[in-house]
Amino acid sequence: MPFERRAQVVFLLLILAQAGHSVEECWTKLYEVFAPAHFVAGLISNNLAVGFAAGNAVLVAFGLWCWAVPVQRGWRAARGLAWFWTILELGNGVSHSAMAYWRHGYFPGVGTAPLLLLFGGWMAVLLLGQARREGPKHNGTASF
């Protein structure tokens, strides 16, 4: 079943929230204080700022492609991709919030983390609601 229009819009808002989150992370140099970000940025470029920005640009471009092609066209893979992004962004929002809590202050990315949690949570509710309305599949596959 194709995505409902509301789910398409919320998915786009989730990706746009990630775009804003990526800008915040680049601006506040997450790659200088978070070892995994430092590592990934270094794999892309010797200039960590460039590598981190490029990695984030690819991530956001992939998200926009997921919205523009599989989700908009109703591909079978769209629901799985939506769940991937939903879980990724919920985890992203929780982890940035937890790091700020543990540091007792600002942690790069925490300013936009509430948007990831808002749109990730909303997307999860919409995906679960659509799965519930569709009911169980009769071919033995899960309804995601």
C-alpha atoms as a PDB file:
ATOM      1  CA  MET A   1       0.000   0.000   0.000  1.00  0.00           C
ATOM      2  CA  PRO A   2       1.443   3.428  -0.891  1.00  0.00           C
ATOM      3  CA  PHE A   3       2.275   5.943   1.803  1.00  0.00           C
ATOM      4  CA  GLU A   4      -0.506   8.254   2.888  1.00  0.00           C
ATOM      5  CA  ARG A   5       0.103  11.905   2.024  1.00  0.00           C
ATOM      6  CA  ARG A   6       0.567  12.822   5.689  1.00  0.00           C
ATOM      7  CA  ALA A   7       3.271  10.146   6.091  1.00  0.00           C
ATOM      8  CA  GLN A   8       5.024  11.445   2.970  1.00  0.00           C
ATOM      9  CA  VAL A   9       5.090  14.961   4.415  1.00  0.00           C
ATOM     10  CA  VAL A  10       6.272  13.827   7.852  1.00  0.00           C
ATOM     11  CA  PHE A  11       9.005  11.731   6.236  1.00  0.00           C
ATOM     12  CA  LEU A  12      10.200  14.801   4.322  1.00  0.00           C
ATOM     13  CA  LEU A  13      10.133  16.850   7.539  1.00  0.00           C
ATOM     14  CA  LEU A  14      12.242  14.149   9.212  1.00  0.00           C
ATOM     15  CA  ILE A  15      14.849  14.377   6.445  1.00  0.00           C
ATOM     16  CA  LEU A  16      14.805  18.185   6.569  1.00  0.00           C
ATOM     17  CA  ALA A  17      15.280  17.977  10.350  1.00  0.00           C
ATOM     18  CA  GLN A  18      18.331  15.808   9.681  1.00  0.00           C
ATOM     19  CA  ALA A  19      19.595  18.446   7.248  1.00  0.00           C
ATOM     20  CA  GLY A  20      19.319  21.108   9.949  1.00  0.00           C
ATOM     21  CA  HIS A  21      20.898  18.741  12.439  1.00  0.00           C
ATOM     22  CA  SER A  22      23.799  18.143  10.060  1.00  0.00           C
ATOM     23  CA  VAL A  23      24.341  21.890   9.698  1.00  0.00           C
ATOM     24  CA  GLU A  24      24.399  22.261  13.482  1.00  0.00           C
ATOM     25  CA  GLU A  25      26.868  19.375  13.831  1.00  0.00           C
ATOM     26  CA  CYS A  26      29.162  20.869  11.183  1.00  0.00           C
ATOM     27  CA  TRP A  27      28.929  24.390  12.621  1.00  0.00           C
ATOM     28  CA  THR A  28      29.718  23.188  16.145  1.00  0.00           C
ATOM     29  CA  LYS A  29      32.429  20.738  14.989  1.00  0.00           C
ATOM     30  CA  LEU A  30      31.019  17.464  16.311  1.00  0.00           C
ATOM     31  CA  TYR A  31      33.938  15.691  14.628  1.00  0.00           C
ATOM     32  CA  GLU A  32      36.301  17.349  17.161  1.00  0.00           C
ATOM     33  CA  VAL A  33      34.534  15.970  20.249  1.00  0.00           C
ATOM     34  CA  PHE A  34      32.974  12.668  19.122  1.00  0.00           C
ATOM     35  CA  ALA A  35      35.396   9.911  18.110  1.00  0.00           C
ATOM     36  CA  PRO A  36      33.076   8.074  15.666  1.00  0.00           C
ATOM     37  CA  ALA A  37      32.401  11.344  13.793  1.00  0.00           C
ATOM     38  CA  HIS A  38      36.131  12.083  13.756  1.00  0.00           C
ATOM     39  CA  PHE A  39      36.849   8.608  12.367  1.00  0.00           C
ATOM     40  CA  VAL A  40      34.249   8.780   9.592  1.00  0.00           C
ATOM     41  CA  ALA A  41      35.259  12.317   8.601  1.00  0.00           C
ATOM     42  CA  GLY A  42      38.877  11.147   8.398  1.00  0.00           C
ATOM     43  CA  LEU A  43      37.923   8.296   6.071  1.00  0.00           C
ATOM     44  CA  ILE A  44      36.454  10.804   3.636  1.00  0.00           C
ATOM     45  CA  SER A  45      39.091  13.538   3.755  1.00  0.00           C
ATOM     46  CA  ASN A  46      42.289  14.558   5.518  1.00  0.00           C
ATOM     47  CA  ASN A  47      40.495  17.830   6.252  1.00  0.00           C
ATOM     48  CA  LEU A  48      38.040  16.712   8.945  1.00  0.00           C
ATOM     49  CA  ALA A  49      35.673  19.640   8.400  1.00  0.00           C
ATOM     50  CA  VAL A  50      35.411  18.821   4.696  1.00  0.00           C
ATOM     51  CA  GLY A  51      35.069  15.088   5.321  1.00  0.00           C
ATOM     52  CA  PHE A  52      32.369  15.571   7.932  1.00  0.00           C
ATOM     53  CA  ALA A  53      30.410  18.013   5.766  1.00  0.00           C
ATOM     54  CA  ALA A  54      30.685  15.701   2.747  1.00  0.00           C
ATOM     55  CA  GLY A  55      29.506  12.693   4.759  1.00  0.00           C
ATOM     56  CA  ASN A  56      26.539  14.641   6.060  1.00  0.00           C
ATOM     57  CA  ALA A  57      25.722  15.927   2.574  1.00  0.00           C
ATOM     58  CA  VAL A  58      25.653  12.346   1.272  1.00  0.00           C
ATOM     59  CA  LEU A  59      23.438  11.264   4.177  1.00  0.00           C
ATOM     60  CA  VAL A  60      20.925  14.063   3.572  1.00  0.00           C
ATOM     61  CA  ALA A  61      21.011  13.497  -0.208  1.00  0.00           C
ATOM     62  CA  PHE A  62      20.208   9.818   0.377  1.00  0.00           C
ATOM     63  CA  GLY A  63      17.319  10.798   2.634  1.00  0.00           C
ATOM     64  CA  LEU A  64      15.934  13.190   0.023  1.00  0.00           C
ATOM     65  CA  TRP A  65      16.262  10.473  -2.621  1.00  0.00           C
ATOM     66  CA  CYS A  66      14.386   8.038  -0.335  1.00  0.00           C
ATOM     67  CA  TRP A  67      11.569  10.574  -0.048  1.00  0.00           C
ATOM     68  CA  ALA A  68      11.536  11.603  -3.732  1.00  0.00           C
ATOM     69  CA  VAL A  69      11.710   8.157  -5.292  1.00  0.00           C
ATOM     70  CA  PRO A  70      10.731   5.124  -3.158  1.00  0.00           C
ATOM     71  CA  VAL A  71       8.302   6.945  -0.846  1.00  0.00           C
ATOM     72  CA  GLN A  72       6.663   9.150  -3.496  1.00  0.00           C
ATOM     73  CA  ARG A  73       6.376   6.313  -6.013  1.00  0.00           C
ATOM     74  CA  GLY A  74       5.134   3.746  -3.509  1.00  0.00           C
ATOM     75  CA  TRP A  75       7.980   1.268  -3.949  1.00  0.00           C
ATOM     76  CA  ARG A  76       7.799  -1.891  -1.854  1.00  0.00           C
ATOM     77  CA  ALA A  77      11.087  -0.870  -0.209  1.00  0.00           C
ATOM     78  CA  ALA A  78       9.641   2.470   0.939  1.00  0.00           C
ATOM     79  CA  ARG A  79       8.305   1.190   4.237  1.00  0.00           C
ATOM     80  CA  GLY A  80      11.595  -0.458   5.161  1.00  0.00           C
ATOM     81  CA  LEU A  81      13.496   2.701   4.253  1.00  0.00           C
ATOM     82  CA  ALA A  82      11.068   4.785   6.313  1.00  0.00           C
ATOM     83  CA  TRP A  83      11.615   2.510   9.306  1.00  0.00           C
ATOM     84  CA  PHE A  84      15.388   2.741   8.777  1.00  0.00           C
ATOM     85  CA  TRP A  85      15.233   6.541   8.859  1.00  0.00           C
ATOM     86  CA  THR A  86      12.783   6.586  11.766  1.00  0.00           C
ATOM     87  CA  ILE A  87      14.975   4.377  13.940  1.00  0.00           C
ATOM     88  CA  LEU A  88      18.157   6.166  12.858  1.00  0.00           C
ATOM     89  CA  GLU A  89      16.786   9.594  13.733  1.00  0.00           C
ATOM     90  CA  LEU A  90      15.185   8.527  17.000  1.00  0.00           C
ATOM     91  CA  GLY A  91      18.520   7.024  18.018  1.00  0.00           C
ATOM     92  CA  ASN A  92      20.327  10.141  16.835  1.00  0.00           C
ATOM     93  CA  GLY A  93      18.035  12.427  18.840  1.00  0.00           C
ATOM     94  CA  VAL A  94      18.266  10.286  21.972  1.00  0.00           C
ATOM     95  CA  SER A  95      22.056   9.953  21.774  1.00  0.00           C
ATOM     96  CA  HIS A  96      22.687  13.695  21.371  1.00  0.00           C
ATOM     97  CA  SER A  97      20.304  14.447  24.229  1.00  0.00           C
ATOM     98  CA  ALA A  98      21.977  11.836  26.444  1.00  0.00           C
ATOM     99  CA  MET A  99      25.459  13.190  25.657  1.00  0.00           C
ATOM    100  CA  ALA A 100      24.351  16.714  26.592  1.00  0.00           C
ATOM    101  CA  TYR A 101      22.833  15.378  29.813  1.00  0.00           C
ATOM    102  CA  TRP A 102      26.006  13.480  30.728  1.00  0.00           C
ATOM    103  CA  ARG A 103      28.155  16.534  29.961  1.00  0.00           C
ATOM    104  CA  HIS A 104      25.822  18.763  31.991  1.00  0.00           C
ATOM    105  CA  GLY A 105      25.740  21.187  29.087  1.00  0.00           C
ATOM    106  CA  TYR A 106      25.700  21.639  25.368  1.00  0.00           C
ATOM    107  CA  PHE A 107      26.801  18.810  23.081  1.00  0.00           C
ATOM    108  CA  PRO A 108      27.017  19.440  19.323  1.00  0.00           C
ATOM    109  CA  GLY A 109      23.693  18.488  17.730  1.00  0.00           C
ATOM    110  CA  VAL A 110      21.507  18.713  20.832  1.00  0.00           C
ATOM    111  CA  GLY A 111      19.841  21.905  19.641  1.00  0.00           C
ATOM    112  CA  THR A 112      18.122  20.131  16.747  1.00  0.00           C
ATOM    113  CA  ALA A 113      17.750  16.753  18.500  1.00  0.00           C
ATOM    114  CA  PRO A 114      14.159  17.576  19.593  1.00  0.00           C
ATOM    115  CA  LEU A 115      13.179  17.892  15.911  1.00  0.00           C
ATOM    116  CA  LEU A 116      14.587  14.432  15.204  1.00  0.00           C
ATOM    117  CA  LEU A 117      12.642  13.045  18.149  1.00  0.00           C
ATOM    118  CA  LEU A 118       9.436  14.847  17.173  1.00  0.00           C
ATOM    119  CA  PHE A 119       9.404  13.814  13.528  1.00  0.00           C
ATOM    120  CA  GLY A 120      10.896  10.370  14.219  1.00  0.00           C
ATOM    121  CA  GLY A 121       8.215   9.670  16.821  1.00  0.00           C
ATOM    122  CA  TRP A 122       5.477  10.996  14.554  1.00  0.00           C
ATOM    123  CA  MET A 123       6.748   8.859  11.684  1.00  0.00           C
ATOM    124  CA  ALA A 124       6.760   5.761  13.911  1.00  0.00           C
ATOM    125  CA  VAL A 125       3.151   6.423  14.943  1.00  0.00           C
ATOM    126  CA  LEU A 126       2.105   6.836  11.298  1.00  0.00           C
ATOM    127  CA  LEU A 127       3.954   3.696  10.172  1.00  0.00           C
ATOM    128  CA  LEU A 128       2.454   1.629  12.985  1.00  0.00           C
ATOM    129  CA  GLY A 129      -1.017   3.000  12.276  1.00  0.00           C
ATOM    130  CA  GLN A 130      -0.761   2.191   8.590  1.00  0.00           C
ATOM    131  CA  ALA A 131       0.460  -1.343   9.360  1.00  0.00           C
ATOM    132  CA  ARG A 132      -2.440  -1.822  11.773  1.00  0.00           C
ATOM    133  CA  ARG A 133      -4.983  -0.637   9.184  1.00  0.00           C
ATOM    134  CA  GLU A 134      -3.544  -2.945   6.529  1.00  0.00           C
ATOM    135  CA  GLY A 135      -3.749  -5.935   8.853  1.00  0.00           C
ATOM    136  CA  PRO A 136      -1.592  -9.042   8.692  1.00  0.00           C
ATOM    137  CA  LYS A 137      -0.198 -10.186   5.380  1.00  0.00           C
ATOM    138  CA  HIS A 138      -1.501 -13.487   4.063  1.00  0.00           C
ATOM    139  CA  ASN A 139       1.768 -14.538   2.440  1.00  0.00           C
ATOM    140  CA  GLY A 140       3.667 -14.999   5.713  1.00  0.00           C
ATOM    141  CA  THR A 141       5.642 -11.757   5.554  1.00  0.00           C
ATOM    142  CA  ALA A 142       5.644  -9.179   8.282  1.00  0.00           C
ATOM    143  CA  SER A 143       3.654  -5.995   7.820  1.00  0.00           C
ATOM    144  CA  PHE A 144       6.188  -3.206   8.043  1.00  0.00           C
END
